[in-house]
Every structure is written in C-alpha cells, then in structure tokens.
Amino acid sequence: MIQASTIQTSTIQTSRIQTTIIQTSTIQNSMIQTSTIQTSTIQTSTIQTSRIHETEGANHIAVTPSL
C-alpha cells in the first residue's frame, strides 16, 4: 500500500498602509489704528469797569458802566 500525501500551506499577508497628511495654515490679519485727538479750550474773559460819578449838591452816587 503506497500513500502519497501532499500538504500545501499557504500564508497570505495583507498589509494596510495609512498615510496621514496634516496641513496647518495660520493666517493673521493685523490692523493698526492710530488716533490723534486734539482738544482745545479757548477762554475769553470780558472785564467791565464801572465809573462812579458824584453829582454836585447831593449825596447821590450814580454808577455808569463804561465799555
């Protein structure tokens, strides 16, 4: 009795390759504002002088403003 046996062993390997590309973009927008504030204060003063006249013969004092 002759027995002929053939044993075949197959190994199949499946590999997965993952490629990850990460791109990071940074956009900065800068605005520079320059403000100039000028405040002017003008004061005008008006000084009025009054003359005092004494009338003759009486003790009455009349005040007349002079411009």
PDB file of N, CA and C in Angstrom:
ATOM      1  N   MET A   1       0.878  -1.190   0.000  1.00  0.00           N
ATOM      2  CA  MET A   1       0.000   0.000   0.000  1.00  0.00           C
ATOM      3  C   MET A   1       0.903   1.224   0.000  1.00  0.00           C
ATOM      4  N   ILE A   2       0.696   2.095  -1.003  1.00  0.00           N
ATOM      5  CA  ILE A   2       1.528   3.287  -1.132  1.00  0.00           C
ATOM      6  C   ILE A   2       0.636   4.512  -0.875  1.00  0.00           C
ATOM      7  N   GLN A   3       1.039   5.292   0.077  1.00  0.00           N
ATOM      8  CA  GLN A   3       0.291   6.523   0.359  1.00  0.00           C
ATOM      9  C   GLN A   3       1.126   7.721  -0.098  1.00  0.00           C
ATOM     10  N   ALA A   4       0.533   8.531  -0.898  1.00  0.00           N
ATOM     11  CA  ALA A   4       1.212   9.759  -1.339  1.00  0.00           C
ATOM     12  C   ALA A   4       0.408  10.935  -0.772  1.00  0.00           C
ATOM     13  N   SER A   5       1.033  11.672   0.083  1.00  0.00           N
ATOM     14  CA  SER A   5       0.342  12.806   0.717  1.00  0.00           C
ATOM     15  C   SER A   5       1.038  14.092   0.302  1.00  0.00           C
ATOM     16  N   THR A   6       0.255  15.050  -0.104  1.00  0.00           N
ATOM     17  CA  THR A   6       0.788  16.372  -0.446  1.00  0.00           C
ATOM     18  C   THR A   6       0.132  17.384   0.472  1.00  0.00           C
ATOM     19  N   ILE A   7       0.939  18.086   1.280  1.00  0.00           N
ATOM     20  CA  ILE A   7       0.405  19.099   2.212  1.00  0.00           C
ATOM     21  C   ILE A   7       0.871  20.462   1.718  1.00  0.00           C
ATOM     22  N   GLN A   8      -0.066  21.282   1.420  1.00  0.00           N
ATOM     23  CA  GLN A   8       0.263  22.632   0.967  1.00  0.00           C
ATOM     24  C   GLN A   8      -0.192  23.634   2.030  1.00  0.00           C
ATOM     25  N   THR A   9       0.716  24.481   2.433  1.00  0.00           N
ATOM     26  CA  THR A   9       0.390  25.517   3.411  1.00  0.00           C
ATOM     27  C   THR A   9       0.603  26.873   2.745  1.00  0.00           C
ATOM     28  N   SER A  10      -0.425  27.667   2.683  1.00  0.00           N
ATOM     29  CA  SER A  10      -0.337  28.998   2.065  1.00  0.00           C
ATOM     30  C   SER A  10      -0.530  30.071   3.142  1.00  0.00           C
ATOM     31  N   THR A  11       0.345  31.036   3.141  1.00  0.00           N
ATOM     32  CA  THR A  11       0.233  32.150   4.073  1.00  0.00           C
ATOM     33  C   THR A  11       0.018  33.445   3.267  1.00  0.00           C
ATOM     34  N   ILE A  12      -1.082  34.074   3.449  1.00  0.00           N
ATOM     35  CA  ILE A  12      -1.398  35.325   2.746  1.00  0.00           C
ATOM     36  C   ILE A  12      -1.378  36.457   3.776  1.00  0.00           C
ATOM     37  N   GLN A  13      -0.500  37.392   3.544  1.00  0.00           N
ATOM     38  CA  GLN A  13      -0.422  38.539   4.444  1.00  0.00           C
ATOM     39  C   GLN A  13      -0.964  39.773   3.730  1.00  0.00           C
ATOM     40  N   THR A  14      -1.866  40.464   4.415  1.00  0.00           N
ATOM     41  CA  THR A  14      -2.436  41.693   3.866  1.00  0.00           C
ATOM     42  C   THR A  14      -1.998  42.854   4.761  1.00  0.00           C
ATOM     43  N   SER A  15      -1.291  43.786   4.171  1.00  0.00           N
ATOM     44  CA  SER A  15      -0.804  44.934   4.936  1.00  0.00           C
ATOM     45  C   SER A  15      -1.535  46.192   4.487  1.00  0.00           C
ATOM     46  N   ARG A  16      -1.925  46.983   5.466  1.00  0.00           N
ATOM     47  CA  ARG A  16      -2.570  48.261   5.156  1.00  0.00           C
ATOM     48  C   ARG A  16      -1.611  49.384   5.530  1.00  0.00           C
ATOM     49  N   ILE A  17      -1.394  50.243   4.611  1.00  0.00           N
ATOM     50  CA  ILE A  17      -0.513  51.393   4.858  1.00  0.00           C
ATOM     51  C   ILE A  17      -1.383  52.646   4.904  1.00  0.00           C
ATOM     52  N   GLN A  18      -1.319  53.332   6.021  1.00  0.00           N
ATOM     53  CA  GLN A  18      -2.104  54.553   6.178  1.00  0.00           C
ATOM     54  C   GLN A  18      -1.160  55.752   6.163  1.00  0.00           C
ATOM     55  N   THR A  19      -1.477  56.673   5.303  1.00  0.00           N
ATOM     56  CA  THR A  19      -0.684  57.896   5.202  1.00  0.00           C
ATOM     57  C   THR A  19      -1.568  59.068   5.630  1.00  0.00           C
ATOM     58  N   THR A  20      -1.122  59.775   6.625  1.00  0.00           N
ATOM     59  CA  THR A  20      -1.889  60.904   7.153  1.00  0.00           C
ATOM     60  C   THR A  20      -1.097  62.188   6.906  1.00  0.00           C
ATOM     61  N   ILE A  21      -1.699  63.111   6.194  1.00  0.00           N
ATOM     62  CA  ILE A  21      -1.075  64.402   5.916  1.00  0.00           C
ATOM     63  C   ILE A  21      -1.889  65.476   6.638  1.00  0.00           C
ATOM     64  N   ILE A  22      -1.242  66.160   7.560  1.00  0.00           N
ATOM     65  CA  ILE A  22      -1.909  67.222   8.320  1.00  0.00           C
ATOM     66  C   ILE A  22      -1.299  68.551   7.901  1.00  0.00           C
ATOM     67  N   GLN A  23      -2.118  69.403   7.390  1.00  0.00           N
ATOM     68  CA  GLN A  23      -1.661  70.736   6.995  1.00  0.00           C
ATOM     69  C   GLN A  23      -2.299  71.764   7.913  1.00  0.00           C
ATOM     70  N   THR A  24      -1.461  72.593   8.487  1.00  0.00           N
ATOM     71  CA  THR A  24      -1.949  73.637   9.390  1.00  0.00           C
ATOM     72  C   THR A  24      -1.576  74.995   8.818  1.00  0.00           C
ATOM     73  N   SER A  25      -2.577  75.789   8.545  1.00  0.00           N
ATOM     74  CA  SER A  25      -2.346  77.118   7.994  1.00  0.00           C
ATOM     75  C   SER A  25      -2.796  78.158   9.006  1.00  0.00           C
ATOM     76  N   THR A  26      -1.953  79.131   9.249  1.00  0.00           N
ATOM     77  CA  THR A  26      -2.293  80.208  10.176  1.00  0.00           C
ATOM     78  C   THR A  26      -2.223  81.525   9.430  1.00  0.00           C
ATOM     79  N   ILE A  27      -3.351  82.199   9.347  1.00  0.00           N
ATOM     80  CA  ILE A  27      -3.420  83.494   8.659  1.00  0.00           C
ATOM     81  C   ILE A  27      -3.748  84.547   9.707  1.00  0.00           C
ATOM     82  N   GLN A  28      -2.857  85.503   9.839  1.00  0.00           N
ATOM     83  CA  GLN A  28      -3.087  86.570  10.809  1.00  0.00           C
ATOM     84  C   GLN A  28      -3.287  87.892  10.068  1.00  0.00           C
ATOM     85  N   ASN A  29      -4.376  88.531  10.370  1.00  0.00           N
ATOM     86  CA  ASN A  29      -4.656  89.851   9.804  1.00  0.00           C
ATOM     87  C   ASN A  29      -4.585  90.870  10.934  1.00  0.00           C
ATOM     88  N   SER A  30      -3.636  91.752  10.848  1.00  0.00           N
ATOM     89  CA  SER A  30      -3.456  92.742  11.907  1.00  0.00           C
ATOM     90  C   SER A  30      -3.794  94.125  11.364  1.00  0.00           C
ATOM     91  N   MET A  31      -4.623  94.851  12.119  1.00  0.00           N
ATOM     92  CA  MET A  31      -4.959  96.219  11.757  1.00  0.00           C
ATOM     93  C   MET A  31      -4.467  97.134  12.864  1.00  0.00           C
ATOM     94  N   ILE A  32      -3.683  98.115  12.486  1.00  0.00           N
ATOM     95  CA  ILE A  32      -3.155  99.059  13.466  1.00  0.00           C
ATOM     96  C   ILE A  32      -3.833 100.410  13.211  1.00  0.00           C
ATOM     97  N   GLN A  33      -4.513 100.889  14.210  1.00  0.00           N
ATOM     98  CA  GLN A  33      -5.211 102.160  14.093  1.00  0.00           C
ATOM     99  C   GLN A  33      -4.563 103.164  15.028  1.00  0.00           C
ATOM    100  N   THR A  34      -4.228 104.309  14.459  1.00  0.00           N
ATOM    101  CA  THR A  34      -3.631 105.373  15.255  1.00  0.00           C
ATOM    102  C   THR A  34      -4.599 106.553  15.270  1.00  0.00           C
ATOM    103  N   SER A  35      -5.006 106.935  16.450  1.00  0.00           N
ATOM    104  CA  SER A  35      -5.962 108.027  16.588  1.00  0.00           C
ATOM    105  C   SER A  35      -5.295 109.188  17.314  1.00  0.00           C
ATOM    106  N   THR A  36      -5.466 110.375  16.762  1.00  0.00           N
ATOM    107  CA  THR A  36      -4.942 111.581  17.398  1.00  0.00           C
ATOM    108  C   THR A  36      -6.124 112.484  17.729  1.00  0.00           C
ATOM    109  N   ILE A  37      -6.308 112.733  19.001  1.00  0.00           N
ATOM    110  CA  ILE A  37      -7.422 113.564  19.453  1.00  0.00           C
ATOM    111  C   ILE A  37      -6.843 114.835  20.048  1.00  0.00           C
ATOM    112  N   GLN A  38      -7.228 115.953  19.469  1.00  0.00           N
ATOM    113  CA  GLN A  38      -6.766 117.236  19.975  1.00  0.00           C
ATOM    114  C   GLN A  38      -7.948 117.991  20.563  1.00  0.00           C
ATOM    115  N   THR A  39      -7.774 118.436  21.770  1.00  0.00           N
ATOM    116  CA  THR A  39      -8.832 119.176  22.445  1.00  0.00           C
ATOM    117  C   THR A  39      -8.303 120.563  22.782  1.00  0.00           C
ATOM    118  N   SER A  40      -8.977 121.566  22.256  1.00  0.00           N
ATOM    119  CA  SER A  40      -8.565 122.944  22.501  1.00  0.00           C
ATOM    120  C   SER A  40      -9.634 123.660  23.321  1.00  0.00           C
ATOM    121  N   THR A  41      -9.208 124.358  24.335  1.00  0.00           N
ATOM    122  CA  THR A  41     -10.124 125.125  25.170  1.00  0.00           C
ATOM    123  C   THR A  41      -9.714 126.595  25.100  1.00  0.00           C
ATOM    124  N   ILE A  42     -10.609 127.406  24.580  1.00  0.00           N
ATOM    125  CA  ILE A  42     -10.336 128.839  24.468  1.00  0.00           C
ATOM    126  C   ILE A  42     -11.275 129.567  25.422  1.00  0.00           C
ATOM    127  N   GLN A  43     -10.690 130.304  26.334  1.00  0.00           N
ATOM    128  CA  GLN A  43     -11.493 131.059  27.281  1.00  0.00           C
ATOM    129  C   GLN A  43     -11.298 132.548  27.005  1.00  0.00           C
ATOM    130  N   THR A  44     -12.406 133.220  26.873  1.00  0.00           N
ATOM    131  CA  THR A  44     -12.381 134.652  26.636  1.00  0.00           C
ATOM    132  C   THR A  44     -13.043 135.351  27.821  1.00  0.00           C
ATOM    133  N   SER A  45     -12.299 136.231  28.443  1.00  0.00           N
ATOM    134  CA  SER A  45     -12.819 136.940  29.607  1.00  0.00           C
ATOM    135  C   SER A  45     -13.039 138.410  29.244  1.00  0.00           C
ATOM    136  N   THR A  46     -14.177 138.919  29.638  1.00  0.00           N
ATOM    137  CA  THR A  46     -14.505 140.325  29.415  1.00  0.00           C
ATOM    138  C   THR A  46     -14.625 141.004  30.780  1.00  0.00           C
ATOM    139  N   ILE A  47     -13.785 141.985  31.008  1.00  0.00           N
ATOM    140  CA  ILE A  47     -13.799 142.704  32.287  1.00  0.00           C
ATOM    141  C   ILE A  47     -14.409 144.087  32.047  1.00  0.00           C
ATOM    142  N   GLN A  48     -15.439 144.375  32.796  1.00  0.00           N
ATOM    143  CA  GLN A  48     -16.102 145.671  32.681  1.00  0.00           C
ATOM    144  C   GLN A  48     -15.758 146.512  33.898  1.00  0.00           C
ATOM    145  N   THR A  49     -15.312 147.730  33.618  1.00  0.00           N
ATOM    146  CA  THR A  49     -15.019 148.651  34.718  1.00  0.00           C
ATOM    147  C   THR A  49     -16.136 149.688  34.801  1.00  0.00           C
ATOM    148  N   SER A  50     -16.522 150.004  36.019  1.00  0.00           N
ATOM    149  CA  SER A  50     -17.598 150.965  36.244  1.00  0.00           C
ATOM    150  C   SER A  50     -17.006 152.236  36.847  1.00  0.00           C
ATOM    151  N   ARG A  51     -17.472 153.303  36.342  1.00  0.00           N
ATOM    152  CA  ARG A  51     -17.054 154.606  36.883  1.00  0.00           C
ATOM    153  C   ARG A  51     -18.133 155.130  37.838  1.00  0.00           C
ATOM    154  N   ILE A  52     -17.674 155.696  38.941  1.00  0.00           N
ATOM    155  CA  ILE A  52     -18.606 156.240  39.928  1.00  0.00           C
ATOM    156  C   ILE A  52     -18.528 157.772  39.851  1.00  0.00           C
ATOM    157  N   HIS A  53     -19.683 158.372  39.565  1.00  0.00           N
ATOM    158  CA  HIS A  53     -19.750 159.834  39.484  1.00  0.00           C
ATOM    159  C   HIS A  53     -20.561 160.368  40.656  1.00  0.00           C
ATOM    160  N   GLU A  54     -20.041 161.387  41.238  1.00  0.00           N
ATOM    161  CA  GLU A  54     -20.800 162.057  42.307  1.00  0.00           C
ATOM    162  C   GLU A  54     -21.420 163.319  41.729  1.00  0.00           C
ATOM    163  N   THR A  55     -22.716 163.485  41.989  1.00  0.00           N
ATOM    164  CA  THR A  55     -23.393 164.673  41.483  1.00  0.00           C
ATOM    165  C   THR A  55     -23.181 165.830  42.457  1.00  0.00           C
ATOM    166  N   GLU A  56     -23.186 167.016  41.910  1.00  0.00           N
ATOM    167  CA  GLU A  56     -22.930 168.205  42.735  1.00  0.00           C
ATOM    168  C   GLU A  56     -24.178 168.542  43.554  1.00  0.00           C
ATOM    169  N   GLY A  57     -23.943 168.862  44.819  1.00  0.00           N
ATOM    170  CA  GLY A  57     -25.019 169.345  45.670  1.00  0.00           C
ATOM    171  C   GLY A  57     -25.815 168.254  46.338  1.00  0.00           C
ATOM    172  N   ALA A  58     -25.606 166.983  45.989  1.00  0.00           N
ATOM    173  CA  ALA A  58     -26.378 165.909  46.645  1.00  0.00           C
ATOM    174  C   ALA A  58     -25.448 164.730  46.903  1.00  0.00           C
ATOM    175  N   ASN A  59     -25.887 163.867  47.810  1.00  0.00           N
ATOM    176  CA  ASN A  59     -25.080 162.693  48.140  1.00  0.00           C
ATOM    177  C   ASN A  59     -25.528 161.458  47.323  1.00  0.00           C
ATOM    178  N   HIS A  60     -25.922 161.707  46.089  1.00  0.00           N
ATOM    179  CA  HIS A  60     -26.396 160.613  45.233  1.00  0.00           C
ATOM    180  C   HIS A  60     -25.233 160.108  44.376  1.00  0.00           C
ATOM    181  N   ILE A  61     -25.067 158.804  44.352  1.00  0.00           N
ATOM    182  CA  ILE A  61     -23.984 158.186  43.577  1.00  0.00           C
ATOM    183  C   ILE A  61     -24.612 157.417  42.422  1.00  0.00           C
ATOM    184  N   ALA A  62     -24.226 157.797  41.203  1.00  0.00           N
ATOM    185  CA  ALA A  62     -24.737 157.115  40.013  1.00  0.00           C
ATOM    186  C   ALA A  62     -23.626 156.225  39.443  1.00  0.00           C
ATOM    187  N   VAL A  63     -23.975 154.996  39.167  1.00  0.00           N
ATOM    188  CA  VAL A  63     -22.988 154.068  38.622  1.00  0.00           C
ATOM    189  C   VAL A  63     -23.259 153.898  37.133  1.00  0.00           C
ATOM    190  N   THR A  64     -22.260 154.291  36.343  1.00  0.00           N
ATOM    191  CA  THR A  64     -22.401 154.130  34.892  1.00  0.00           C
ATOM    192  C   THR A  64     -21.330 153.164  34.392  1.00  0.00           C
ATOM    193  N   PRO A  65     -21.755 152.106  33.784  1.00  0.00           N
ATOM    194  CA  PRO A  65     -20.733 151.181  33.242  1.00  0.00           C
ATOM    195  C   PRO A  65     -20.077 151.766  32.000  1.00  0.00           C
ATOM    196  N   SER A  66     -18.775 151.623  31.930  1.00  0.00           N
ATOM    197  CA  SER A  66     -18.067 152.108  30.759  1.00  0.00           C
ATOM    198  C   SER A  66     -17.515 150.918  30.002  1.00  0.00           C
ATOM    199  N   LEU A  67     -17.731 150.878  28.725  1.00  0.00           N
ATOM    200  CA  LEU A  67     -17.268 149.755  27.909  1.00  0.00           C
ATOM    201  C   LEU A  67     -15.925 150.085  27.288  1.00  0.00           C
TER     202      LEU A  67
END
